[in-house]
Amino acid sequence: MDMLWPAIVSRGDPQKETKGHPGTPFEKYAYGRISENYRRVFESPNEDLPLGYRRCQLLADMISGMTDSFALSFERELRELRC
């Protein structure tokens, strides 16, 4: 979660014209590894839900959708790239 959160926050608000900073190469890669379906929900227009909630939902959806073996290999992959 600690490695995905900065990638999500760096995107800014996808519903506003002023997006966040482009992010580091690691953040761009980590965000790109989040399921496209989950990113689509996060980026779709929804004025009922605040940005903070949508960010938390994106992270929770990604983590809860992982199998144990995928989570371990994904964490290992991100840790190796981050160092």
PDB file of N, CA and C in Angstrom:
ATOM      1  N   MET A   1       0.825  -1.192   0.000  1.00  0.00           N
ATOM      2  CA  MET A   1       0.000   0.000   0.000  1.00  0.00           C
ATOM      3  C   MET A   1       0.869   1.256   0.000  1.00  0.00           C
ATOM      4  N   ASP A   2       1.983   1.197   0.736  1.00  0.00           N
ATOM      5  CA  ASP A   2       2.866   2.359   0.811  1.00  0.00           C
ATOM      6  C   ASP A   2       3.489   2.699  -0.541  1.00  0.00           C
ATOM      7  N   MET A   3       3.623   1.732  -1.398  1.00  0.00           N
ATOM      8  CA  MET A   3       4.228   1.989  -2.700  1.00  0.00           C
ATOM      9  C   MET A   3       3.195   2.437  -3.730  1.00  0.00           C
ATOM     10  N   LEU A   4       1.950   2.064  -3.560  1.00  0.00           N
ATOM     11  CA  LEU A   4       0.908   2.453  -4.502  1.00  0.00           C
ATOM     12  C   LEU A   4       0.315   3.830  -4.187  1.00  0.00           C
ATOM     13  N   TRP A   5       0.262   4.178  -2.910  1.00  0.00           N
ATOM     14  CA  TRP A   5      -0.388   5.428  -2.526  1.00  0.00           C
ATOM     15  C   TRP A   5       0.247   6.656  -3.186  1.00  0.00           C
ATOM     16  N   PRO A   6       1.581   6.825  -3.175  1.00  0.00           N
ATOM     17  CA  PRO A   6       2.166   7.993  -3.850  1.00  0.00           C
ATOM     18  C   PRO A   6       1.839   8.032  -5.349  1.00  0.00           C
ATOM     19  N   ALA A   7       1.726   6.889  -5.957  1.00  0.00           N
ATOM     20  CA  ALA A   7       1.379   6.833  -7.384  1.00  0.00           C
ATOM     21  C   ALA A   7      -0.045   7.328  -7.612  1.00  0.00           C
ATOM     22  N   ILE A   8      -0.943   7.022  -6.703  1.00  0.00           N
ATOM     23  CA  ILE A   8      -2.338   7.458  -6.821  1.00  0.00           C
ATOM     24  C   ILE A   8      -2.440   8.962  -6.558  1.00  0.00           C
ATOM     25  N   VAL A   9      -1.781   9.434  -5.524  1.00  0.00           N
ATOM     26  CA  VAL A   9      -1.851  10.846  -5.160  1.00  0.00           C
ATOM     27  C   VAL A   9      -1.209  11.722  -6.232  1.00  0.00           C
ATOM     28  N   SER A  10      -0.145  11.243  -6.859  1.00  0.00           N
ATOM     29  CA  SER A  10       0.553  12.050  -7.864  1.00  0.00           C
ATOM     30  C   SER A  10      -0.312  12.319  -9.092  1.00  0.00           C
ATOM     31  N   ARG A  11      -1.369  11.563  -9.271  1.00  0.00           N
ATOM     32  CA  ARG A  11      -2.246  11.754 -10.435  1.00  0.00           C
ATOM     33  C   ARG A  11      -3.100  13.002 -10.306  1.00  0.00           C
ATOM     34  N   GLY A  12      -3.206  13.556  -9.128  1.00  0.00           N
ATOM     35  CA  GLY A  12      -4.075  14.717  -8.947  1.00  0.00           C
ATOM     36  C   GLY A  12      -5.531  14.297  -9.056  1.00  0.00           C
ATOM     37  N   ASP A  13      -6.361  15.231  -9.442  1.00  0.00           N
ATOM     38  CA  ASP A  13      -7.781  14.934  -9.621  1.00  0.00           C
ATOM     39  C   ASP A  13      -8.049  14.746 -11.101  1.00  0.00           C
ATOM     40  N   PRO A  14      -8.328  13.536 -11.536  1.00  0.00           N
ATOM     41  CA  PRO A  14      -8.541  13.281 -12.964  1.00  0.00           C
ATOM     42  C   PRO A  14      -9.766  13.999 -13.534  1.00  0.00           C
ATOM     43  N   GLN A  15     -10.617  14.528 -12.673  1.00  0.00           N
ATOM     44  CA  GLN A  15     -11.822  15.207 -13.148  1.00  0.00           C
ATOM     45  C   GLN A  15     -11.617  16.711 -13.318  1.00  0.00           C
ATOM     46  N   LYS A  16     -10.466  17.207 -12.930  1.00  0.00           N
ATOM     47  CA  LYS A  16     -10.172  18.633 -13.042  1.00  0.00           C
ATOM     48  C   LYS A  16      -9.165  18.861 -14.162  1.00  0.00           C
ATOM     49  N   GLU A  17      -9.129  20.064 -14.661  1.00  0.00           N
ATOM     50  CA  GLU A  17      -8.162  20.383 -15.705  1.00  0.00           C
ATOM     51  C   GLU A  17      -6.741  20.373 -15.163  1.00  0.00           C
ATOM     52  N   THR A  18      -6.581  20.775 -13.906  1.00  0.00           N
ATOM     53  CA  THR A  18      -5.247  20.806 -13.317  1.00  0.00           C
ATOM     54  C   THR A  18      -4.951  19.447 -12.704  1.00  0.00           C
ATOM     55  N   LYS A  19      -4.238  18.669 -13.418  1.00  0.00           N
ATOM     56  CA  LYS A  19      -3.861  17.342 -12.933  1.00  0.00           C
ATOM     57  C   LYS A  19      -2.680  17.500 -11.992  1.00  0.00           C
ATOM     58  N   GLY A  20      -2.325  16.457 -11.298  1.00  0.00           N
ATOM     59  CA  GLY A  20      -1.195  16.492 -10.392  1.00  0.00           C
ATOM     60  C   GLY A  20       0.119  16.523 -11.153  1.00  0.00           C
ATOM     61  N   HIS A  21       1.202  16.509 -10.409  1.00  0.00           N
ATOM     62  CA  HIS A  21       2.500  16.452 -11.075  1.00  0.00           C
ATOM     63  C   HIS A  21       2.616  15.118 -11.788  1.00  0.00           C
ATOM     64  N   PRO A  22       3.437  15.054 -12.825  1.00  0.00           N
ATOM     65  CA  PRO A  22       3.493  13.816 -13.610  1.00  0.00           C
ATOM     66  C   PRO A  22       3.976  12.621 -12.816  1.00  0.00           C
ATOM     67  N   GLY A  23       4.642  12.851 -11.719  1.00  0.00           N
ATOM     68  CA  GLY A  23       5.113  11.738 -10.889  1.00  0.00           C
ATOM     69  C   GLY A  23       6.468  11.246 -11.346  1.00  0.00           C
ATOM     70  N   THR A  24       7.092  10.519 -10.470  1.00  0.00           N
ATOM     71  CA  THR A  24       8.382   9.927 -10.788  1.00  0.00           C
ATOM     72  C   THR A  24       8.153   8.756 -11.742  1.00  0.00           C
ATOM     73  N   PRO A  25       9.205   8.306 -12.394  1.00  0.00           N
ATOM     74  CA  PRO A  25       9.032   7.120 -13.250  1.00  0.00           C
ATOM     75  C   PRO A  25       8.469   5.921 -12.471  1.00  0.00           C
ATOM     76  N   PHE A  26       8.893   5.771 -11.221  1.00  0.00           N
ATOM     77  CA  PHE A  26       8.364   4.675 -10.406  1.00  0.00           C
ATOM     78  C   PHE A  26       6.863   4.850 -10.184  1.00  0.00           C
ATOM     79  N   GLU A  27       6.420   6.085  -9.854  1.00  0.00           N
ATOM     80  CA  GLU A  27       4.998   6.323  -9.618  1.00  0.00           C
ATOM     81  C   GLU A  27       4.174   6.088 -10.880  1.00  0.00           C
ATOM     82  N   LYS A  28       4.692   6.497 -12.013  1.00  0.00           N
ATOM     83  CA  LYS A  28       3.996   6.253 -13.282  1.00  0.00           C
ATOM     84  C   LYS A  28       3.851   4.752 -13.538  1.00  0.00           C
ATOM     85  N   TYR A  29       4.921   4.018 -13.283  1.00  0.00           N
ATOM     86  CA  TYR A  29       4.889   2.566 -13.498  1.00  0.00           C
ATOM     87  C   TYR A  29       3.895   1.905 -12.539  1.00  0.00           C
ATOM     88  N   ALA A  30       3.978   2.271 -11.261  1.00  0.00           N
ATOM     89  CA  ALA A  30       3.096   1.662 -10.257  1.00  0.00           C
ATOM     90  C   ALA A  30       1.631   1.958 -10.579  1.00  0.00           C
ATOM     91  N   TYR A  31       1.327   3.188 -10.989  1.00  0.00           N
ATOM     92  CA  TYR A  31      -0.052   3.528 -11.338  1.00  0.00           C
ATOM     93  C   TYR A  31      -0.512   2.728 -12.561  1.00  0.00           C
ATOM     94  N   GLY A  32       0.382   2.564 -13.502  1.00  0.00           N
ATOM     95  CA  GLY A  32       0.055   1.785 -14.695  1.00  0.00           C
ATOM     96  C   GLY A  32      -0.204   0.315 -14.411  1.00  0.00           C
ATOM     97  N   ARG A  33       0.334  -0.182 -13.307  1.00  0.00           N
ATOM     98  CA  ARG A  33       0.125  -1.579 -12.932  1.00  0.00           C
ATOM     99  C   ARG A  33      -1.198  -1.801 -12.214  1.00  0.00           C
ATOM    100  N   ILE A  34      -1.864  -0.725 -11.810  1.00  0.00           N
ATOM    101  CA  ILE A  34      -3.187  -0.857 -11.201  1.00  0.00           C
ATOM    102  C   ILE A  34      -4.159  -1.255 -12.304  1.00  0.00           C
ATOM    103  N   SER A  35      -5.057  -2.156 -11.999  1.00  0.00           N
ATOM    104  CA  SER A  35      -6.014  -2.654 -12.984  1.00  0.00           C
ATOM    105  C   SER A  35      -6.717  -1.508 -13.712  1.00  0.00           C
ATOM    106  N   GLU A  36      -6.808  -1.634 -15.008  1.00  0.00           N
ATOM    107  CA  GLU A  36      -7.465  -0.613 -15.822  1.00  0.00           C
ATOM    108  C   GLU A  36      -8.919  -0.408 -15.396  1.00  0.00           C
ATOM    109  N   ASN A  37      -9.581  -1.480 -14.998  1.00  0.00           N
ATOM    110  CA  ASN A  37     -10.971  -1.359 -14.546  1.00  0.00           C
ATOM    111  C   ASN A  37     -11.076  -0.479 -13.305  1.00  0.00           C
ATOM    112  N   TYR A  38     -10.157  -0.664 -12.359  1.00  0.00           N
ATOM    113  CA  TYR A  38     -10.169   0.144 -11.141  1.00  0.00           C
ATOM    114  C   TYR A  38      -9.819   1.594 -11.456  1.00  0.00           C
ATOM    115  N   ARG A  39      -8.853   1.802 -12.348  1.00  0.00           N
ATOM    116  CA  ARG A  39      -8.471   3.171 -12.727  1.00  0.00           C
ATOM    117  C   ARG A  39      -9.619   3.869 -13.442  1.00  0.00           C
ATOM    118  N   ARG A  40     -10.361   3.152 -14.249  1.00  0.00           N
ATOM    119  CA  ARG A  40     -11.482   3.740 -14.979  1.00  0.00           C
ATOM    120  C   ARG A  40     -12.544   4.252 -14.003  1.00  0.00           C
ATOM    121  N   VAL A  41     -12.824   3.496 -12.950  1.00  0.00           N
ATOM    122  CA  VAL A  41     -13.799   3.946 -11.952  1.00  0.00           C
ATOM    123  C   VAL A  41     -13.275   5.197 -11.246  1.00  0.00           C
ATOM    124  N   PHE A  42     -11.990   5.199 -10.898  1.00  0.00           N
ATOM    125  CA  PHE A  42     -11.380   6.346 -10.226  1.00  0.00           C
ATOM    126  C   PHE A  42     -11.417   7.587 -11.108  1.00  0.00           C
ATOM    127  N   GLU A  43     -11.157   7.421 -12.378  1.00  0.00           N
ATOM    128  CA  GLU A  43     -11.040   8.557 -13.296  1.00  0.00           C
ATOM    129  C   GLU A  43     -12.368   8.997 -13.886  1.00  0.00           C
ATOM    130  N   SER A  44     -13.429   8.200 -13.723  1.00  0.00           N
ATOM    131  CA  SER A  44     -14.720   8.564 -14.309  1.00  0.00           C
ATOM    132  C   SER A  44     -15.361   9.695 -13.515  1.00  0.00           C
ATOM    133  N   PRO A  45     -16.124  10.538 -14.199  1.00  0.00           N
ATOM    134  CA  PRO A  45     -16.774  11.657 -13.506  1.00  0.00           C
ATOM    135  C   PRO A  45     -17.744  11.168 -12.442  1.00  0.00           C
ATOM    136  N   ASN A  46     -17.558  11.638 -11.236  1.00  0.00           N
ATOM    137  CA  ASN A  46     -18.462  11.315 -10.137  1.00  0.00           C
ATOM    138  C   ASN A  46     -18.358  12.451  -9.125  1.00  0.00           C
ATOM    139  N   GLU A  47     -19.271  13.372  -9.199  1.00  0.00           N
ATOM    140  CA  GLU A  47     -19.216  14.538  -8.334  1.00  0.00           C
ATOM    141  C   GLU A  47     -19.762  14.252  -6.945  1.00  0.00           C
ATOM    142  N   ASP A  48     -20.337  13.077  -6.736  1.00  0.00           N
ATOM    143  CA  ASP A  48     -20.882  12.735  -5.427  1.00  0.00           C
ATOM    144  C   ASP A  48     -19.801  12.310  -4.445  1.00  0.00           C
ATOM    145  N   LEU A  49     -18.705  11.771  -4.964  1.00  0.00           N
ATOM    146  CA  LEU A  49     -17.656  11.255  -4.095  1.00  0.00           C
ATOM    147  C   LEU A  49     -16.448  12.178  -4.103  1.00  0.00           C
ATOM    148  N   PRO A  50     -15.965  12.564  -2.919  1.00  0.00           N
ATOM    149  CA  PRO A  50     -14.779  13.426  -2.871  1.00  0.00           C
ATOM    150  C   PRO A  50     -13.527  12.694  -3.355  1.00  0.00           C
ATOM    151  N   LEU A  51     -12.537  13.463  -3.763  1.00  0.00           N
ATOM    152  CA  LEU A  51     -11.304  12.915  -4.307  1.00  0.00           C
ATOM    153  C   LEU A  51     -10.627  11.958  -3.326  1.00  0.00           C
ATOM    154  N   GLY A  52     -10.558  12.336  -2.067  1.00  0.00           N
ATOM    155  CA  GLY A  52      -9.908  11.477  -1.066  1.00  0.00           C
ATOM    156  C   GLY A  52     -10.572  10.105  -0.975  1.00  0.00           C
ATOM    157  N   TYR A  53     -11.892  10.097  -1.029  1.00  0.00           N
ATOM    158  CA  TYR A  53     -12.621   8.832  -0.974  1.00  0.00           C
ATOM    159  C   TYR A  53     -12.308   7.982  -2.197  1.00  0.00           C
ATOM    160  N   ARG A  54     -12.308   8.620  -3.391  1.00  0.00           N
ATOM    161  CA  ARG A  54     -12.022   7.875  -4.623  1.00  0.00           C
ATOM    162  C   ARG A  54     -10.615   7.318  -4.617  1.00  0.00           C
ATOM    163  N   ARG A  55      -9.665   8.055  -4.062  1.00  0.00           N
ATOM    164  CA  ARG A  55      -8.288   7.550  -3.956  1.00  0.00           C
ATOM    165  C   ARG A  55      -8.240   6.321  -3.056  1.00  0.00           C
ATOM    166  N   CYS A  56      -8.892   6.421  -1.903  1.00  0.00           N
ATOM    167  CA  CYS A  56      -8.911   5.276  -0.974  1.00  0.00           C
ATOM    168  C   CYS A  56      -9.617   4.076  -1.597  1.00  0.00           C
ATOM    169  N   GLN A  57     -10.691   4.334  -2.339  1.00  0.00           N
ATOM    170  CA  GLN A  57     -11.414   3.250  -2.999  1.00  0.00           C
ATOM    171  C   GLN A  57     -10.532   2.573  -4.044  1.00  0.00           C
ATOM    172  N   LEU A  58      -9.781   3.361  -4.803  1.00  0.00           N
ATOM    173  CA  LEU A  58      -8.885   2.787  -5.816  1.00  0.00           C
ATOM    174  C   LEU A  58      -7.844   1.886  -5.163  1.00  0.00           C
ATOM    175  N   LEU A  59      -7.240   2.347  -4.088  1.00  0.00           N
ATOM    176  CA  LEU A  59      -6.235   1.544  -3.395  1.00  0.00           C
ATOM    177  C   LEU A  59      -6.857   0.282  -2.799  1.00  0.00           C
ATOM    178  N   ALA A  60      -8.007   0.429  -2.158  1.00  0.00           N
ATOM    179  CA  ALA A  60      -8.672  -0.729  -1.549  1.00  0.00           C
ATOM    180  C   ALA A  60      -9.096  -1.741  -2.609  1.00  0.00           C
ATOM    181  N   ASP A  61      -9.618  -1.263  -3.730  1.00  0.00           N
ATOM    182  CA  ASP A  61     -10.023  -2.170  -4.806  1.00  0.00           C
ATOM    183  C   ASP A  61      -8.834  -2.959  -5.329  1.00  0.00           C
ATOM    184  N   MET A  62      -7.715  -2.271  -5.547  1.00  0.00           N
ATOM    185  CA  MET A  62      -6.521  -2.945  -6.074  1.00  0.00           C
ATOM    186  C   MET A  62      -6.021  -4.004  -5.092  1.00  0.00           C
ATOM    187  N   ILE A  63      -5.900  -3.642  -3.832  1.00  0.00           N
ATOM    188  CA  ILE A  63      -5.377  -4.573  -2.831  1.00  0.00           C
ATOM    189  C   ILE A  63      -6.338  -5.750  -2.633  1.00  0.00           C
ATOM    190  N   SER A  64      -7.629  -5.461  -2.533  1.00  0.00           N
ATOM    191  CA  SER A  64      -8.583  -6.542  -2.263  1.00  0.00           C
ATOM    192  C   SER A  64      -8.756  -7.472  -3.458  1.00  0.00           C
ATOM    193  N   GLY A  65      -8.425  -6.997  -4.654  1.00  0.00           N
ATOM    194  CA  GLY A  65      -8.552  -7.830  -5.837  1.00  0.00           C
ATOM    195  C   GLY A  65      -7.371  -8.754  -6.086  1.00  0.00           C
ATOM    196  N   MET A  66      -6.342  -8.653  -5.256  1.00  0.00           N
ATOM    197  CA  MET A  66      -5.136  -9.466  -5.448  1.00  0.00           C
ATOM    198  C   MET A  66      -5.263 -10.830  -4.778  1.00  0.00           C
ATOM    199  N   THR A  67      -4.727 -11.829  -5.426  1.00  0.00           N
ATOM    200  CA  THR A  67      -4.545 -13.103  -4.744  1.00  0.00           C
ATOM    201  C   THR A  67      -3.293 -12.980  -3.877  1.00  0.00           C
ATOM    202  N   ASP A  68      -3.110 -13.896  -2.944  1.00  0.00           N
ATOM    203  CA  ASP A  68      -1.940 -13.846  -2.073  1.00  0.00           C
ATOM    204  C   ASP A  68      -0.644 -13.947  -2.870  1.00  0.00           C
ATOM    205  N   SER A  69      -0.606 -14.875  -3.809  1.00  0.00           N
ATOM    206  CA  SER A  69       0.630 -15.064  -4.567  1.00  0.00           C
ATOM    207  C   SER A  69       0.930 -13.852  -5.454  1.00  0.00           C
ATOM    208  N   PHE A  70      -0.116 -13.247  -6.039  1.00  0.00           N
ATOM    209  CA  PHE A  70       0.108 -12.050  -6.851  1.00  0.00           C
ATOM    210  C   PHE A  70       0.588 -10.897  -5.978  1.00  0.00           C
ATOM    211  N   ALA A  71      -0.007 -10.730  -4.813  1.00  0.00           N
ATOM    212  CA  ALA A  71       0.386  -9.641  -3.913  1.00  0.00           C
ATOM    213  C   ALA A  71       1.857  -9.769  -3.527  1.00  0.00           C
ATOM    214  N   LEU A  72       2.304 -10.969  -3.235  1.00  0.00           N
ATOM    215  CA  LEU A  72       3.704 -11.167  -2.862  1.00  0.00           C
ATOM    216  C   LEU A  72       4.641 -10.878  -4.029  1.00  0.00           C
ATOM    217  N   SER A  73       4.307 -11.351  -5.209  1.00  0.00           N
ATOM    218  CA  SER A  73       5.183 -11.104  -6.347  1.00  0.00           C
ATOM    219  C   SER A  73       5.134  -9.631  -6.775  1.00  0.00           C
ATOM    220  N   PHE A  74       3.988  -9.018  -6.681  1.00  0.00           N
ATOM    221  CA  PHE A  74       3.852  -7.602  -7.022  1.00  0.00           C
ATOM    222  C   PHE A  74       4.648  -6.730  -6.051  1.00  0.00           C
ATOM    223  N   GLU A  75       4.564  -7.036  -4.793  1.00  0.00           N
ATOM    224  CA  GLU A  75       5.328  -6.293  -3.775  1.00  0.00           C
ATOM    225  C   GLU A  75       6.821  -6.442  -4.014  1.00  0.00           C
ATOM    226  N   ARG A  76       7.244  -7.657  -4.317  1.00  0.00           N
ATOM    227  CA  ARG A  76       8.662  -7.918  -4.601  1.00  0.00           C
ATOM    228  C   ARG A  76       9.121  -7.121  -5.826  1.00  0.00           C
ATOM    229  N   GLU A  77       8.288  -7.112  -6.863  1.00  0.00           N
ATOM    230  CA  GLU A  77       8.620  -6.384  -8.098  1.00  0.00           C
ATOM    231  C   GLU A  77       8.758  -4.876  -7.822  1.00  0.00           C
ATOM    232  N   LEU A  78       7.792  -4.317  -7.100  1.00  0.00           N
ATOM    233  CA  LEU A  78       7.845  -2.881  -6.806  1.00  0.00           C
ATOM    234  C   LEU A  78       9.015  -2.536  -5.892  1.00  0.00           C
ATOM    235  N   ARG A  79       9.290  -3.387  -4.926  1.00  0.00           N
ATOM    236  CA  ARG A  79      10.402  -3.129  -3.999  1.00  0.00           C
ATOM    237  C   ARG A  79      11.727  -3.114  -4.759  1.00  0.00           C
ATOM    238  N   GLU A  80      11.895  -4.025  -5.697  1.00  0.00           N
ATOM    239  CA  GLU A  80      13.139  -4.070  -6.476  1.00  0.00           C
ATOM    240  C   GLU A  80      13.285  -2.831  -7.354  1.00  0.00           C
ATOM    241  N   LEU A  81      12.193  -2.348  -7.921  1.00  0.00           N
ATOM    242  CA  LEU A  81      12.244  -1.162  -8.777  1.00  0.00           C
ATOM    243  C   LEU A  81      12.450   0.122  -7.972  1.00  0.00           C
ATOM    244  N   ARG A  82      11.934   0.122  -6.777  1.00  0.00           N
ATOM    245  CA  ARG A  82      11.983   1.323  -5.934  1.00  0.00           C
ATOM    246  C   ARG A  82      13.387   1.594  -5.401  1.00  0.00           C
ATOM    247  N   CYS A  83      14.149   0.563  -5.165  1.00  0.00           N
ATOM    248  CA  CYS A  83      15.479   0.741  -4.558  1.00  0.00           C
ATOM    249  C   CYS A  83      16.518   1.200  -5.520  1.00  0.00           C
TER     250      CYS A  83
END
